[in-house]
Amino acid sequence: MDYPLPQVTPLTEPFWGALRRGRIAFQACACGHRWLPAREACPRCLGTDHRWEDGSGRAQVVSWVVYHTAHHDAFKDRVPYNVAIVELAEGPRLITNVRAPHDTLRVGMPVVLAVEEEAGFALARFAPAAA
């Protein structure tokens, strides 16, 4: 099956490279703002004085939805699956999957990075944090 694959560019390569090393990375501006996905300029101040930082891998669930219908053939054998927004401990948010039973997902639920390889890419997924 042909999966929709991420487009790795010079701008996004630090993110994908960090995942290959089992880490999550985000951009951080001189103004203090941190964000994902990668951008040429800070979404808060539009400055270009930013760098990449590694995150702790800790996050919390902000929101999620459970798909019961696959909207791409590559995912038809995965339904039902969740698509979640998590907020990293350092502030950036990203869209991901949480590897937990759907009925256990809660707003504020602590999760940790669980990098998974798929179709040759290391992907940022998350799992419940150990108590």
N, C-alpha and C. Protein backbone atom coordinates (compact mmCIF):
# COMPACT_ATOMS: atom_id res chain seq x y z
N MET A 1 0.85 -1.18 0.00
CA MET A 1 0.00 0.00 0.00
C MET A 1 0.89 1.23 0.00
N ASP A 2 0.53 2.20 -0.78
CA ASP A 2 1.25 3.47 -0.81
C ASP A 2 0.72 4.39 0.29
N TYR A 3 1.58 4.67 1.25
CA TYR A 3 1.21 5.57 2.33
C TYR A 3 1.51 7.01 1.94
N PRO A 4 0.71 7.96 2.41
CA PRO A 4 1.07 9.36 2.21
C PRO A 4 2.30 9.63 3.07
N LEU A 5 3.38 10.05 2.44
CA LEU A 5 4.65 10.22 3.15
C LEU A 5 4.95 11.69 3.40
N PRO A 6 5.66 11.97 4.50
CA PRO A 6 6.06 13.35 4.77
C PRO A 6 7.04 13.84 3.71
N GLN A 7 7.05 15.12 3.49
CA GLN A 7 8.02 15.74 2.59
C GLN A 7 9.15 16.32 3.44
N VAL A 8 10.32 15.70 3.33
CA VAL A 8 11.47 16.18 4.08
C VAL A 8 12.17 17.24 3.23
N THR A 9 12.33 18.41 3.79
CA THR A 9 12.97 19.54 3.11
C THR A 9 14.11 20.03 4.00
N PRO A 10 14.98 20.90 3.50
CA PRO A 10 16.00 21.45 4.40
C PRO A 10 15.40 22.11 5.65
N LEU A 11 14.22 22.69 5.52
CA LEU A 11 13.57 23.32 6.67
C LEU A 11 13.12 22.29 7.71
N THR A 12 12.57 21.15 7.24
CA THR A 12 12.00 20.17 8.17
C THR A 12 12.96 19.05 8.56
N GLU A 13 14.11 18.95 7.91
CA GLU A 13 15.04 17.85 8.19
C GLU A 13 15.46 17.76 9.65
N PRO A 14 15.69 18.86 10.38
CA PRO A 14 16.04 18.72 11.80
C PRO A 14 14.96 18.00 12.61
N PHE A 15 13.71 18.21 12.28
CA PHE A 15 12.61 17.51 12.96
C PHE A 15 12.70 16.01 12.70
N TRP A 16 12.81 15.63 11.42
CA TRP A 16 12.86 14.21 11.04
C TRP A 16 14.14 13.55 11.53
N GLY A 17 15.25 14.28 11.51
CA GLY A 17 16.51 13.74 12.02
C GLY A 17 16.44 13.45 13.50
N ALA A 18 15.83 14.35 14.26
CA ALA A 18 15.67 14.12 15.70
C ALA A 18 14.84 12.86 15.95
N LEU A 19 13.76 12.67 15.19
CA LEU A 19 12.94 11.47 15.37
C LEU A 19 13.74 10.20 15.07
N ARG A 20 14.60 10.24 14.05
CA ARG A 20 15.45 9.08 13.76
C ARG A 20 16.36 8.76 14.94
N ARG A 21 16.70 9.76 15.74
CA ARG A 21 17.53 9.57 16.93
C ARG A 21 16.69 9.31 18.18
N GLY A 22 15.36 9.17 18.02
CA GLY A 22 14.48 8.89 19.14
C GLY A 22 14.12 10.11 19.97
N ARG A 23 14.25 11.30 19.40
CA ARG A 23 13.98 12.55 20.09
C ARG A 23 12.90 13.34 19.34
N ILE A 24 12.33 14.32 20.01
CA ILE A 24 11.42 15.27 19.36
C ILE A 24 12.12 16.63 19.37
N ALA A 25 12.06 17.34 18.26
CA ALA A 25 12.69 18.65 18.17
C ALA A 25 11.66 19.67 17.69
N PHE A 26 11.86 20.91 18.10
CA PHE A 26 10.98 22.01 17.71
C PHE A 26 11.83 23.25 17.52
N GLN A 27 11.25 24.25 16.88
CA GLN A 27 11.95 25.51 16.69
C GLN A 27 11.67 26.44 17.87
N ALA A 28 12.70 27.22 18.22
CA ALA A 28 12.59 28.18 19.33
C ALA A 28 13.16 29.51 18.86
N CYS A 29 12.42 30.58 19.09
CA CYS A 29 12.80 31.92 18.64
C CYS A 29 13.51 32.69 19.76
N ALA A 30 14.28 33.68 19.37
CA ALA A 30 14.92 34.57 20.33
C ALA A 30 13.88 35.28 21.21
N CYS A 31 12.63 35.43 20.72
CA CYS A 31 11.58 36.07 21.51
C CYS A 31 11.01 35.15 22.59
N GLY A 32 11.42 33.87 22.57
CA GLY A 32 10.95 32.92 23.58
C GLY A 32 9.87 31.97 23.10
N HIS A 33 9.29 32.23 21.95
CA HIS A 33 8.22 31.37 21.44
C HIS A 33 8.82 30.07 20.87
N ARG A 34 8.10 28.97 21.04
CA ARG A 34 8.50 27.65 20.52
C ARG A 34 7.34 27.08 19.72
N TRP A 35 7.65 26.39 18.60
CA TRP A 35 6.56 25.95 17.74
C TRP A 35 6.90 24.73 16.90
N LEU A 36 5.84 24.11 16.42
CA LEU A 36 5.79 23.08 15.39
C LEU A 36 4.53 23.36 14.61
N PRO A 37 4.48 23.02 13.33
CA PRO A 37 5.54 22.50 12.48
C PRO A 37 6.55 23.60 12.11
N ALA A 38 7.61 23.16 11.43
CA ALA A 38 8.70 24.06 11.06
C ALA A 38 8.21 25.20 10.16
N ARG A 39 8.77 26.38 10.40
CA ARG A 39 8.46 27.56 9.60
C ARG A 39 9.74 28.38 9.41
N GLU A 40 9.73 29.18 8.39
CA GLU A 40 10.87 30.06 8.12
C GLU A 40 10.96 31.18 9.15
N ALA A 41 9.82 31.63 9.67
CA ALA A 41 9.78 32.75 10.61
C ALA A 41 8.92 32.39 11.81
N CYS A 42 9.21 33.00 12.92
CA CYS A 42 8.45 32.78 14.15
C CYS A 42 7.00 33.22 13.94
N PRO A 43 6.03 32.36 14.29
CA PRO A 43 4.63 32.75 14.12
C PRO A 43 4.18 33.84 15.10
N ARG A 44 4.96 34.10 16.15
CA ARG A 44 4.58 35.16 17.10
C ARG A 44 5.13 36.52 16.66
N CYS A 45 6.46 36.61 16.40
CA CYS A 45 7.07 37.92 16.13
C CYS A 45 7.55 38.07 14.69
N LEU A 46 7.44 37.01 13.90
CA LEU A 46 7.90 36.96 12.51
C LEU A 46 9.41 37.08 12.37
N GLY A 47 10.13 36.94 13.49
CA GLY A 47 11.58 36.99 13.46
C GLY A 47 12.18 35.72 12.85
N THR A 48 13.38 35.84 12.38
CA THR A 48 14.07 34.68 11.78
C THR A 48 15.28 34.25 12.61
N ASP A 49 15.40 34.79 13.82
CA ASP A 49 16.49 34.42 14.72
C ASP A 49 16.01 33.26 15.60
N HIS A 50 15.99 32.06 15.01
CA HIS A 50 15.51 30.90 15.76
C HIS A 50 16.47 29.74 15.58
N ARG A 51 16.28 28.73 16.41
CA ARG A 51 17.13 27.54 16.41
C ARG A 51 16.26 26.32 16.69
N TRP A 52 16.83 25.14 16.50
CA TRP A 52 16.16 23.89 16.85
C TRP A 52 16.59 23.47 18.24
N GLU A 53 15.62 22.99 19.03
CA GLU A 53 15.88 22.47 20.37
C GLU A 53 15.27 21.08 20.49
N ASP A 54 15.91 20.22 21.27
CA ASP A 54 15.32 18.92 21.59
C ASP A 54 14.37 19.07 22.75
N GLY A 55 13.23 18.39 22.66
CA GLY A 55 12.27 18.38 23.75
C GLY A 55 12.50 17.19 24.67
N SER A 56 11.82 17.19 25.78
CA SER A 56 11.93 16.12 26.77
C SER A 56 11.20 14.86 26.33
N GLY A 57 10.25 15.00 25.41
CA GLY A 57 9.41 13.87 25.03
C GLY A 57 8.16 13.75 25.86
N ARG A 58 8.04 14.59 26.90
CA ARG A 58 6.84 14.58 27.73
C ARG A 58 5.81 15.52 27.13
N ALA A 59 4.52 15.14 27.25
CA ALA A 59 3.45 15.94 26.67
C ALA A 59 2.15 15.63 27.41
N GLN A 60 1.10 16.34 27.00
CA GLN A 60 -0.24 16.03 27.51
C GLN A 60 -1.23 16.13 26.36
N VAL A 61 -2.28 15.35 26.45
CA VAL A 61 -3.32 15.34 25.43
C VAL A 61 -4.15 16.61 25.56
N VAL A 62 -4.35 17.28 24.42
CA VAL A 62 -5.17 18.50 24.38
C VAL A 62 -6.56 18.16 23.82
N SER A 63 -6.58 17.34 22.77
CA SER A 63 -7.83 16.98 22.10
C SER A 63 -7.58 15.75 21.25
N TRP A 64 -8.64 15.10 20.82
CA TRP A 64 -8.51 13.95 19.93
C TRP A 64 -9.83 13.65 19.27
N VAL A 65 -9.76 12.87 18.23
CA VAL A 65 -10.93 12.35 17.54
C VAL A 65 -10.62 10.90 17.18
N VAL A 66 -11.63 10.07 17.16
CA VAL A 66 -11.45 8.67 16.76
C VAL A 66 -12.12 8.49 15.41
N TYR A 67 -11.32 8.08 14.43
CA TYR A 67 -11.83 7.84 13.08
C TYR A 67 -12.34 6.41 12.99
N HIS A 68 -13.57 6.28 12.50
CA HIS A 68 -14.18 4.97 12.28
C HIS A 68 -14.29 4.66 10.80
N THR A 69 -13.94 5.63 9.97
CA THR A 69 -13.92 5.48 8.52
C THR A 69 -12.56 5.95 8.04
N ALA A 70 -11.93 5.16 7.18
CA ALA A 70 -10.64 5.55 6.63
C ALA A 70 -10.89 6.50 5.46
N HIS A 71 -10.21 7.62 5.49
CA HIS A 71 -10.35 8.60 4.42
C HIS A 71 -9.20 8.50 3.41
N HIS A 72 -8.39 7.46 3.58
CA HIS A 72 -7.32 7.12 2.64
C HIS A 72 -7.19 5.60 2.70
N ASP A 73 -7.08 4.95 1.55
CA ASP A 73 -7.02 3.48 1.51
C ASP A 73 -5.91 2.90 2.37
N ALA A 74 -4.82 3.61 2.54
CA ALA A 74 -3.69 3.11 3.32
C ALA A 74 -4.08 2.86 4.78
N PHE A 75 -5.14 3.50 5.25
CA PHE A 75 -5.51 3.39 6.66
C PHE A 75 -6.75 2.53 6.90
N LYS A 76 -7.27 1.89 5.86
CA LYS A 76 -8.53 1.15 6.01
C LYS A 76 -8.44 -0.01 6.99
N ASP A 77 -7.26 -0.60 7.16
CA ASP A 77 -7.11 -1.70 8.10
C ASP A 77 -6.81 -1.23 9.52
N ARG A 78 -6.79 0.07 9.74
CA ARG A 78 -6.45 0.62 11.05
C ARG A 78 -7.66 1.13 11.82
N VAL A 79 -8.78 1.29 11.16
CA VAL A 79 -9.94 1.84 11.86
C VAL A 79 -10.41 0.87 12.92
N PRO A 80 -10.85 1.38 14.06
CA PRO A 80 -10.81 2.79 14.45
C PRO A 80 -9.41 3.18 14.93
N TYR A 81 -9.03 4.43 14.66
CA TYR A 81 -7.75 4.96 15.14
C TYR A 81 -7.97 6.41 15.57
N ASN A 82 -7.09 6.86 16.47
CA ASN A 82 -7.24 8.23 16.95
C ASN A 82 -6.23 9.15 16.30
N VAL A 83 -6.62 10.39 16.19
CA VAL A 83 -5.73 11.48 15.78
C VAL A 83 -5.86 12.51 16.91
N ALA A 84 -4.72 12.82 17.51
CA ALA A 84 -4.73 13.66 18.71
C ALA A 84 -3.86 14.89 18.53
N ILE A 85 -4.17 15.90 19.31
CA ILE A 85 -3.29 17.05 19.47
C ILE A 85 -2.67 16.91 20.85
N VAL A 86 -1.34 16.91 20.89
CA VAL A 86 -0.65 16.89 22.17
C VAL A 86 0.18 18.16 22.30
N GLU A 87 0.33 18.59 23.53
CA GLU A 87 1.17 19.76 23.82
C GLU A 87 2.41 19.28 24.54
N LEU A 88 3.56 19.52 23.93
CA LEU A 88 4.83 19.16 24.55
C LEU A 88 5.01 19.94 25.84
N ALA A 89 5.76 19.39 26.78
CA ALA A 89 6.04 20.07 28.04
C ALA A 89 6.65 21.44 27.80
N GLU A 90 7.36 21.58 26.67
CA GLU A 90 8.02 22.85 26.34
C GLU A 90 7.09 23.83 25.62
N GLY A 91 5.85 23.43 25.30
CA GLY A 91 4.88 24.34 24.72
C GLY A 91 4.35 24.05 23.33
N PRO A 92 5.20 23.60 22.38
CA PRO A 92 4.67 23.35 21.04
C PRO A 92 3.60 22.25 21.04
N ARG A 93 2.69 22.36 20.10
CA ARG A 93 1.65 21.34 19.92
C ARG A 93 1.87 20.65 18.58
N LEU A 94 1.47 19.37 18.52
CA LEU A 94 1.53 18.67 17.25
C LEU A 94 0.41 17.67 17.14
N ILE A 95 0.11 17.31 15.90
CA ILE A 95 -0.91 16.31 15.58
C ILE A 95 -0.22 14.97 15.51
N THR A 96 -0.81 13.96 16.14
CA THR A 96 -0.16 12.67 16.29
C THR A 96 -1.21 11.59 16.56
N ASN A 97 -0.75 10.43 16.96
CA ASN A 97 -1.61 9.36 17.44
C ASN A 97 -1.16 9.02 18.86
N VAL A 98 -2.10 8.66 19.71
CA VAL A 98 -1.78 8.19 21.05
C VAL A 98 -2.06 6.70 21.09
N ARG A 99 -1.04 5.93 21.44
CA ARG A 99 -1.12 4.48 21.49
C ARG A 99 -1.74 4.05 22.82
N ALA A 100 -3.06 4.17 22.89
CA ALA A 100 -3.82 3.82 24.09
C ALA A 100 -5.24 3.49 23.66
N PRO A 101 -5.95 2.67 24.45
CA PRO A 101 -7.36 2.44 24.13
C PRO A 101 -8.10 3.76 24.07
N HIS A 102 -8.93 3.90 23.06
CA HIS A 102 -9.61 5.17 22.82
C HIS A 102 -10.44 5.64 24.01
N ASP A 103 -11.03 4.70 24.75
CA ASP A 103 -11.87 5.10 25.87
C ASP A 103 -11.06 5.54 27.09
N THR A 104 -9.73 5.47 27.02
CA THR A 104 -8.89 5.93 28.12
C THR A 104 -8.33 7.33 27.90
N LEU A 105 -8.51 7.86 26.69
CA LEU A 105 -7.97 9.19 26.39
C LEU A 105 -8.73 10.26 27.17
N ARG A 106 -7.98 11.21 27.71
CA ARG A 106 -8.55 12.29 28.50
C ARG A 106 -7.77 13.57 28.24
N VAL A 107 -8.45 14.70 28.29
CA VAL A 107 -7.77 15.99 28.22
C VAL A 107 -6.83 16.09 29.42
N GLY A 108 -5.59 16.48 29.16
CA GLY A 108 -4.60 16.59 30.23
C GLY A 108 -3.86 15.30 30.53
N MET A 109 -4.22 14.22 29.85
CA MET A 109 -3.58 12.92 30.07
C MET A 109 -2.09 13.03 29.77
N PRO A 110 -1.21 12.65 30.71
CA PRO A 110 0.23 12.70 30.44
C PRO A 110 0.63 11.59 29.47
N VAL A 111 1.40 11.95 28.48
CA VAL A 111 1.89 11.00 27.48
C VAL A 111 3.38 11.26 27.25
N VAL A 112 4.05 10.26 26.65
CA VAL A 112 5.46 10.38 26.33
C VAL A 112 5.68 9.97 24.88
N LEU A 113 6.72 10.52 24.30
CA LEU A 113 7.07 10.22 22.93
C LEU A 113 7.34 8.72 22.78
N ALA A 114 6.79 8.14 21.72
CA ALA A 114 7.01 6.73 21.38
C ALA A 114 7.25 6.69 19.87
N VAL A 115 8.50 6.90 19.47
CA VAL A 115 8.83 6.95 18.05
C VAL A 115 8.57 5.59 17.43
N GLU A 116 7.88 5.59 16.30
CA GLU A 116 7.60 4.36 15.56
C GLU A 116 8.04 4.53 14.12
N GLU A 117 8.61 3.48 13.56
CA GLU A 117 9.01 3.53 12.16
C GLU A 117 7.90 2.98 11.30
N GLU A 118 7.64 3.68 10.21
CA GLU A 118 6.62 3.25 9.27
C GLU A 118 7.02 3.75 7.88
N ALA A 119 6.99 2.86 6.92
CA ALA A 119 7.30 3.19 5.53
C ALA A 119 8.64 3.93 5.41
N GLY A 120 9.60 3.53 6.26
CA GLY A 120 10.93 4.12 6.20
C GLY A 120 11.08 5.44 6.93
N PHE A 121 10.06 5.89 7.65
CA PHE A 121 10.13 7.14 8.40
C PHE A 121 9.96 6.86 9.89
N ALA A 122 10.71 7.60 10.70
CA ALA A 122 10.49 7.60 12.14
C ALA A 122 9.39 8.63 12.39
N LEU A 123 8.30 8.20 13.03
CA LEU A 123 7.15 9.07 13.26
C LEU A 123 6.94 9.32 14.74
N ALA A 124 6.51 10.52 15.05
CA ALA A 124 6.24 10.91 16.44
C ALA A 124 4.85 10.43 16.83
N ARG A 125 4.83 9.42 17.66
CA ARG A 125 3.58 8.96 18.25
C ARG A 125 3.79 9.03 19.76
N PHE A 126 2.71 8.90 20.51
CA PHE A 126 2.80 9.04 21.94
C PHE A 126 2.08 7.89 22.64
N ALA A 127 2.50 7.60 23.87
CA ALA A 127 1.92 6.54 24.69
C ALA A 127 1.69 7.11 26.07
N PRO A 128 0.76 6.50 26.84
CA PRO A 128 0.52 6.99 28.19
C PRO A 128 1.82 6.98 29.00
N ALA A 129 2.01 8.03 29.79
CA ALA A 129 3.19 8.11 30.66
C ALA A 129 3.02 7.12 31.81
N ALA A 130 4.12 6.52 32.22
CA ALA A 130 4.08 5.59 33.37
C ALA A 130 3.72 6.39 34.62
N ALA A 131 2.91 5.77 35.44
CA ALA A 131 2.46 6.45 36.67
C ALA A 131 3.57 6.56 37.68
